[in-house]
Amino acid sequence: RSSPGPGNPDLRWSVEEIKNTPSRGDGVPDRDERVERFAACNFARDLTRAIFNNDKQQEDNSNRVQILACYYLQLFFMFRSLRQEEAETVAVAATFLACKVVDLPRKIRGILRSLNQLRVQAGDPELVEDDQQRLSTSVLRIEFQLLRIIRFEFDLVLPLDFVATLTEALLVQLTRCEVFKNACKNTPQQEASELRTELLRISGNFVLDSFMGFAPLLAQPRVIAAGALAIATRYIRREMAIPELCGLLNNADASLPTEKVRHVVDEILNVFRTKSLAGRAAAAGGAAAAAAQLREAAEAVGRHPEVLMLQAPP
């Protein structure tokens, strides 16, 4: 197939291609790259919440901006190395562009005010005028690079748009699944119906988290929604194994290949591994500590993957 990039509107990579990012070519280990990408996405999400003042009435818009900002950041670092561009600056530019794409544009001054608000909360000094000017120039430059990467295409379908319909389809499949039926205390139809609200909420949260890793670079939005739904179901109903759920989703929708859904599941779980280690690294001080801890955790999870499933937060 054609090479991913500005000439390929699909902008998807294979699992093997993900291993050859520009950062990897610059000598950044896989684990360090994941931690740095995660931290930058987390920064973009915090910035977005500050921009929307954590307003519950704006939660849907805020979530969409968060997803787009993380997606743009992930895309950017498929073309540039983490050693070529400051990740937090890219996060600001990605957020700036994402606000425009959801038709809620913010002036750069407003973005900088929210950024200074975050800095003060973190105990850092506000950016002085010269620093703000330099950042503004960089943001506009990176925004233009992002526009070239996405080929000025703004009609992006998001995984959140598929969660509700896939939830309904999976609930029907659960009522026919022997493992689910054998675990039910009431009728399968009743217990499946009672899952609906929690499944929608938790899978929506997993969709947001998926964009802090490589999942959106690997799969179509519908497949990402399916992977998030599989993890959410597993989180609520421990008797349902991931392979079984991937099969049920494929039964419900043939456009959801079991292998691709499983890749998305793996990538979402990688986000939680990275999240845990990024937090510890921040306390311990430095990406080197994060990388060492990530290696240790990856080995532990490889031996006992069920531990991670039990710890994944809603």
Protein backbone atom coordinates (compact mmCIF):
# COMPACT_ATOMS: atom_id res chain seq x y z
CA ARG A 1 0.00 0.00 0.00
CA SER A 2 1.06 3.61 -0.31
CA SER A 3 3.34 5.04 2.36
CA PRO A 4 1.60 6.81 5.25
CA GLY A 5 1.89 10.57 5.17
CA PRO A 6 0.55 13.65 3.40
CA GLY A 7 0.19 11.62 0.20
CA ASN A 8 -1.92 8.99 1.93
CA PRO A 9 -5.23 10.39 3.26
CA ASP A 10 -5.79 7.31 5.41
CA LEU A 11 -2.94 8.25 7.79
CA ARG A 12 -2.78 4.79 9.33
CA TRP A 13 0.28 2.71 10.12
CA SER A 14 0.78 -1.00 10.69
CA VAL A 15 2.02 -2.41 14.00
CA GLU A 16 5.43 -2.93 12.38
CA GLU A 17 5.55 0.59 10.92
CA ILE A 18 4.82 2.09 14.34
CA LYS A 19 8.16 0.67 15.48
CA ASN A 20 10.01 2.93 13.02
CA THR A 21 9.01 6.45 14.05
CA PRO A 22 11.34 9.42 13.50
CA SER A 23 12.03 9.46 17.24
CA ARG A 24 13.08 5.82 17.11
CA GLY A 25 15.41 6.77 14.27
CA ASP A 26 16.89 9.43 16.54
CA GLY A 27 17.69 6.81 19.13
CA VAL A 28 14.71 7.34 21.44
CA PRO A 29 13.74 3.94 22.92
CA ASP A 30 10.15 2.76 22.46
CA ARG A 31 9.36 3.08 26.16
CA ASP A 32 10.74 6.61 26.41
CA GLU A 33 8.83 7.69 23.33
CA ARG A 34 5.59 6.34 24.77
CA VAL A 35 6.17 8.19 28.04
CA GLU A 36 6.99 11.48 26.29
CA ARG A 37 4.01 11.23 23.93
CA PHE A 38 1.74 10.38 26.86
CA ALA A 39 3.00 13.33 28.92
CA ALA A 40 2.45 15.71 25.99
CA CYS A 41 -1.08 14.38 25.40
CA ASN A 42 -1.82 14.72 29.10
CA PHE A 43 -0.62 18.32 28.91
CA ALA A 44 -2.90 18.98 25.90
CA ARG A 45 -5.87 17.54 27.79
CA ASP A 46 -5.14 19.66 30.87
CA LEU A 47 -4.80 22.73 28.67
CA THR A 48 -8.12 21.98 26.98
CA ARG A 49 -9.89 21.63 30.33
CA ALA A 50 -8.42 24.96 31.42
CA ILE A 51 -9.60 26.59 28.18
CA PHE A 52 -13.14 25.37 28.81
CA ASN A 53 -12.89 26.19 32.52
CA ASN A 54 -13.86 22.61 33.39
CA ASP A 55 -17.44 23.58 32.47
CA LYS A 56 -19.69 20.49 32.64
CA GLN A 57 -22.02 22.00 30.03
CA GLN A 58 -19.07 22.11 27.64
CA GLU A 59 -17.88 18.57 28.47
CA ASP A 60 -18.74 17.07 25.06
CA ASN A 61 -16.94 19.86 23.22
CA SER A 62 -14.00 19.62 25.61
CA ASN A 63 -13.75 15.86 25.06
CA ARG A 64 -13.73 16.29 21.30
CA VAL A 65 -11.03 18.94 21.48
CA GLN A 66 -8.99 16.68 23.76
CA ILE A 67 -9.28 13.77 21.33
CA LEU A 68 -8.37 15.89 18.31
CA ALA A 69 -5.46 17.57 20.09
CA CYS A 70 -4.01 14.21 21.10
CA TYR A 71 -4.57 12.82 17.60
CA TYR A 72 -2.82 15.76 15.95
CA LEU A 73 0.08 15.43 18.38
CA GLN A 74 0.40 11.71 17.69
CA LEU A 75 0.34 12.38 13.95
CA PHE A 76 2.94 15.13 14.22
CA PHE A 77 5.46 12.82 15.83
CA MET A 78 5.04 10.30 13.04
CA PHE A 79 6.76 12.87 10.83
CA ARG A 80 9.05 14.67 13.28
CA SER A 81 11.22 13.41 16.11
CA LEU A 82 10.72 14.25 19.75
CA ARG A 83 14.29 15.50 19.58
CA GLN A 84 13.40 18.00 16.85
CA GLU A 85 10.45 19.72 18.51
CA GLU A 86 9.45 20.44 22.10
CA ALA A 87 6.52 18.13 22.83
CA GLU A 88 4.63 20.63 25.02
CA THR A 89 4.85 23.26 22.30
CA VAL A 90 3.36 20.75 19.85
CA ALA A 91 0.62 20.07 22.42
CA VAL A 92 -0.26 23.77 22.54
CA ALA A 93 -0.36 23.98 18.72
CA ALA A 94 -2.46 20.81 18.47
CA THR A 95 -4.94 22.19 21.01
CA PHE A 96 -5.07 25.53 19.20
CA LEU A 97 -5.93 23.76 15.93
CA ALA A 98 -8.39 21.34 17.56
CA CYS A 99 -10.45 24.23 18.96
CA LYS A 100 -10.82 25.60 15.44
CA VAL A 101 -11.81 22.24 13.98
CA VAL A 102 -14.71 21.82 16.43
CA ASP A 103 -15.86 25.37 15.59
CA LEU A 104 -14.85 26.79 18.96
CA PRO A 105 -11.78 28.81 17.96
CA ARG A 106 -9.72 30.55 20.61
CA LYS A 107 -7.33 33.44 20.07
CA ILE A 108 -3.71 32.64 20.78
CA ARG A 109 -3.82 35.13 23.69
CA GLY A 110 -6.61 33.11 25.28
CA ILE A 111 -4.62 29.90 24.87
CA LEU A 112 -1.61 31.55 26.51
CA ARG A 113 -3.74 32.76 29.43
CA SER A 114 -4.91 29.20 30.05
CA LEU A 115 -1.34 27.98 29.73
CA ASN A 116 -0.14 30.48 32.34
CA GLN A 117 -2.99 29.37 34.57
CA LEU A 118 -1.68 25.80 34.40
CA ARG A 119 1.87 26.98 35.07
CA VAL A 120 0.80 28.87 38.19
CA GLN A 121 -1.15 25.85 39.44
CA ALA A 122 1.98 23.75 38.98
CA GLY A 123 4.06 26.27 40.93
CA ASP A 124 5.90 27.61 37.84
CA PRO A 125 6.21 31.29 36.91
CA GLU A 126 4.04 32.72 34.14
CA LEU A 127 5.63 33.14 30.74
CA VAL A 128 6.98 36.65 30.22
CA GLU A 129 6.05 38.62 27.10
CA ASP A 130 9.13 37.58 25.10
CA ASP A 131 8.54 33.91 25.90
CA GLN A 132 4.90 34.24 24.92
CA GLN A 133 5.88 35.78 21.60
CA ARG A 134 8.35 33.00 20.84
CA LEU A 135 5.78 30.37 21.77
CA SER A 136 3.13 32.02 19.59
CA THR A 137 5.48 31.97 16.62
CA SER A 138 6.27 28.30 17.18
CA VAL A 139 2.59 27.41 17.62
CA LEU A 140 1.65 29.02 14.31
CA ARG A 141 4.52 27.28 12.53
CA ILE A 142 3.59 23.87 13.95
CA GLU A 143 -0.08 24.45 13.22
CA PHE A 144 0.77 24.94 9.54
CA GLN A 145 2.82 21.73 9.57
CA LEU A 146 -0.15 19.90 11.06
CA LEU A 147 -2.45 21.30 8.39
CA ARG A 148 -0.12 19.92 5.73
CA ILE A 149 -0.04 16.51 7.43
CA ILE A 150 -3.84 16.27 7.52
CA ARG A 151 -4.06 17.85 4.03
CA PHE A 152 -6.42 20.53 5.36
CA GLU A 153 -9.03 17.82 5.94
CA PHE A 154 -11.24 18.72 8.91
CA ASP A 155 -14.16 16.27 8.61
CA LEU A 156 -12.71 13.72 10.97
CA VAL A 157 -15.02 11.00 12.25
CA LEU A 158 -14.33 10.23 15.92
CA PRO A 159 -14.67 6.89 17.76
CA LEU A 160 -17.14 8.50 20.17
CA ASP A 161 -19.61 8.65 17.29
CA PHE A 162 -19.72 4.82 17.16
CA VAL A 163 -19.87 3.93 20.84
CA ALA A 164 -23.66 4.01 21.22
CA THR A 165 -24.50 1.87 18.18
CA LEU A 166 -21.77 -0.67 18.93
CA THR A 167 -22.92 -0.88 22.55
CA GLU A 168 -26.42 -1.84 21.43
CA ALA A 169 -25.03 -4.45 19.02
CA LEU A 170 -22.77 -5.95 21.69
CA LEU A 171 -25.58 -6.13 24.25
CA VAL A 172 -27.59 -8.24 21.81
CA GLN A 173 -24.60 -10.55 21.33
CA LEU A 174 -24.12 -10.88 25.08
CA THR A 175 -27.64 -12.25 25.50
CA ARG A 176 -26.65 -15.08 23.12
CA CYS A 177 -23.26 -15.76 24.72
CA GLU A 178 -23.12 -18.88 26.91
CA VAL A 179 -20.40 -17.47 29.17
CA PHE A 180 -22.50 -14.38 29.87
CA LYS A 181 -25.74 -16.31 30.28
CA ASN A 182 -24.18 -18.76 32.74
CA ALA A 183 -22.98 -15.86 34.93
CA CYS A 184 -26.38 -14.11 35.01
CA LYS A 185 -28.52 -14.17 38.15
CA ASN A 186 -31.48 -12.66 36.31
CA THR A 187 -32.44 -13.05 32.66
CA PRO A 188 -29.61 -12.30 30.20
CA GLN A 189 -31.79 -9.64 28.55
CA GLN A 190 -32.33 -7.85 31.85
CA GLU A 191 -28.68 -7.94 32.88
CA ALA A 192 -27.53 -6.82 29.44
CA SER A 193 -29.92 -3.89 29.58
CA GLU A 194 -28.63 -2.91 33.02
CA LEU A 195 -25.10 -2.70 31.59
CA ARG A 196 -25.97 -0.04 29.03
CA THR A 197 -25.39 3.16 31.02
CA GLU A 198 -22.11 2.05 32.57
CA LEU A 199 -20.83 0.65 29.29
CA LEU A 200 -21.47 3.95 27.52
CA ARG A 201 -19.72 5.94 30.23
CA ILE A 202 -16.70 3.71 30.73
CA SER A 203 -16.10 2.95 27.05
CA GLY A 204 -16.27 6.69 26.34
CA ASN A 205 -13.52 7.23 28.90
CA PHE A 206 -11.41 4.48 27.34
CA VAL A 207 -11.86 6.12 23.92
CA LEU A 208 -10.40 9.36 25.30
CA ASP A 209 -7.49 7.46 26.83
CA SER A 210 -6.83 5.55 23.59
CA PHE A 211 -5.67 8.77 21.90
CA MET A 212 -2.83 9.09 24.41
CA GLY A 213 -1.22 6.08 22.73
CA PHE A 214 -0.80 4.67 19.24
CA ALA A 215 -4.33 3.27 18.77
CA PRO A 216 -5.62 6.11 16.53
CA LEU A 217 -2.61 5.63 14.25
CA LEU A 218 -3.33 1.91 13.86
CA ALA A 219 -7.08 1.62 13.34
CA GLN A 220 -10.20 3.26 12.00
CA PRO A 221 -12.44 5.11 14.51
CA ARG A 222 -15.03 2.33 14.53
CA VAL A 223 -12.38 -0.24 15.48
CA ILE A 224 -11.08 2.04 18.26
CA ALA A 225 -14.62 2.32 19.64
CA ALA A 226 -14.92 -1.47 19.55
CA GLY A 227 -11.63 -1.93 21.42
CA ALA A 228 -12.70 0.56 24.09
CA LEU A 229 -16.04 -1.22 24.41
CA ALA A 230 -14.36 -4.60 24.80
CA ILE A 231 -12.20 -3.33 27.68
CA ALA A 232 -15.17 -1.59 29.31
CA THR A 233 -17.20 -4.80 29.17
CA ARG A 234 -14.32 -6.79 30.60
CA TYR A 235 -13.95 -4.21 33.38
CA ILE A 236 -17.62 -4.57 34.39
CA ARG A 237 -18.11 -8.28 33.71
CA ARG A 238 -14.96 -10.12 34.71
CA GLU A 239 -16.22 -13.43 33.35
CA MET A 240 -15.99 -12.05 29.80
CA ALA A 241 -12.51 -12.54 28.32
CA ILE A 242 -11.12 -10.12 25.76
CA PRO A 243 -10.82 -12.74 22.95
CA GLU A 244 -14.47 -13.71 23.50
CA LEU A 245 -15.57 -10.06 23.38
CA CYS A 246 -13.57 -9.40 20.21
CA GLY A 247 -15.34 -12.36 18.63
CA LEU A 248 -18.76 -11.09 19.71
CA LEU A 249 -18.02 -7.67 18.25
CA ASN A 250 -17.03 -9.30 14.97
CA ASN A 251 -20.29 -11.28 15.02
CA ALA A 252 -22.17 -8.03 15.51
CA ASP A 253 -20.26 -6.19 12.79
CA ALA A 254 -18.13 -7.92 10.16
CA SER A 255 -16.20 -4.67 9.61
CA LEU A 256 -14.52 -5.24 13.01
CA PRO A 257 -11.78 -7.84 12.37
CA THR A 258 -10.92 -9.64 15.58
CA GLU A 259 -7.17 -9.14 15.14
CA LYS A 260 -7.48 -5.37 14.60
CA VAL A 261 -9.77 -4.93 17.59
CA ARG A 262 -7.28 -6.88 19.69
CA HIS A 263 -4.45 -4.60 18.53
CA VAL A 264 -6.48 -1.60 19.71
CA VAL A 265 -7.14 -3.31 23.05
CA ASP A 266 -3.41 -3.89 23.47
CA GLU A 267 -2.64 -0.26 22.69
CA ILE A 268 -5.22 1.06 25.14
CA LEU A 269 -3.74 -1.16 27.84
CA ASN A 270 -0.31 0.19 26.91
CA VAL A 271 -1.64 3.66 27.73
CA PHE A 272 -2.43 2.51 31.27
CA ARG A 273 1.01 0.97 31.64
CA THR A 274 2.56 4.20 30.45
CA LYS A 275 0.28 6.31 32.66
CA SER A 276 1.35 4.46 35.76
CA LEU A 277 5.02 4.74 34.91
CA ALA A 278 4.88 8.36 33.80
CA GLY A 279 3.44 9.26 37.20
CA ARG A 280 6.15 7.38 39.03
CA ALA A 281 8.82 8.87 36.78
CA ALA A 282 7.60 12.39 37.56
CA ALA A 283 8.00 11.64 41.25
CA ALA A 284 11.31 9.84 40.79
CA GLY A 285 12.59 12.45 38.34
CA GLY A 286 13.27 11.74 34.70
CA ALA A 287 12.47 9.61 31.69
CA ALA A 288 15.34 7.25 32.46
CA ALA A 289 13.57 6.13 35.63
CA ALA A 290 10.33 5.83 33.65
CA ALA A 291 11.98 3.60 31.06
CA ALA A 292 13.41 1.27 33.71
CA GLN A 293 10.08 1.05 35.50
CA LEU A 294 8.28 0.50 32.20
CA ARG A 295 10.52 -2.45 31.38
CA GLU A 296 9.83 -3.94 34.80
CA ALA A 297 6.07 -3.41 34.50
CA ALA A 298 5.93 -4.74 30.93
CA GLU A 299 7.61 -7.95 32.08
CA ALA A 300 5.22 -8.27 35.02
CA VAL A 301 2.16 -7.62 32.87
CA GLY A 302 3.43 -10.12 30.32
CA ARG A 303 3.45 -12.74 33.06
CA HIS A 304 0.15 -11.69 34.60
CA PRO A 305 -1.99 -9.66 32.13
CA GLU A 306 -5.09 -10.16 34.25
CA VAL A 307 -3.58 -7.88 36.93
CA LEU A 308 -3.72 -4.91 34.60
CA MET A 309 -7.33 -5.65 33.68
CA LEU A 310 -8.32 -5.61 37.33
CA GLN A 311 -6.54 -2.31 37.94
CA ALA A 312 -7.73 -0.36 34.89
CA PRO A 313 -9.73 2.61 36.22
CA PRO A 314 -13.16 3.60 34.89
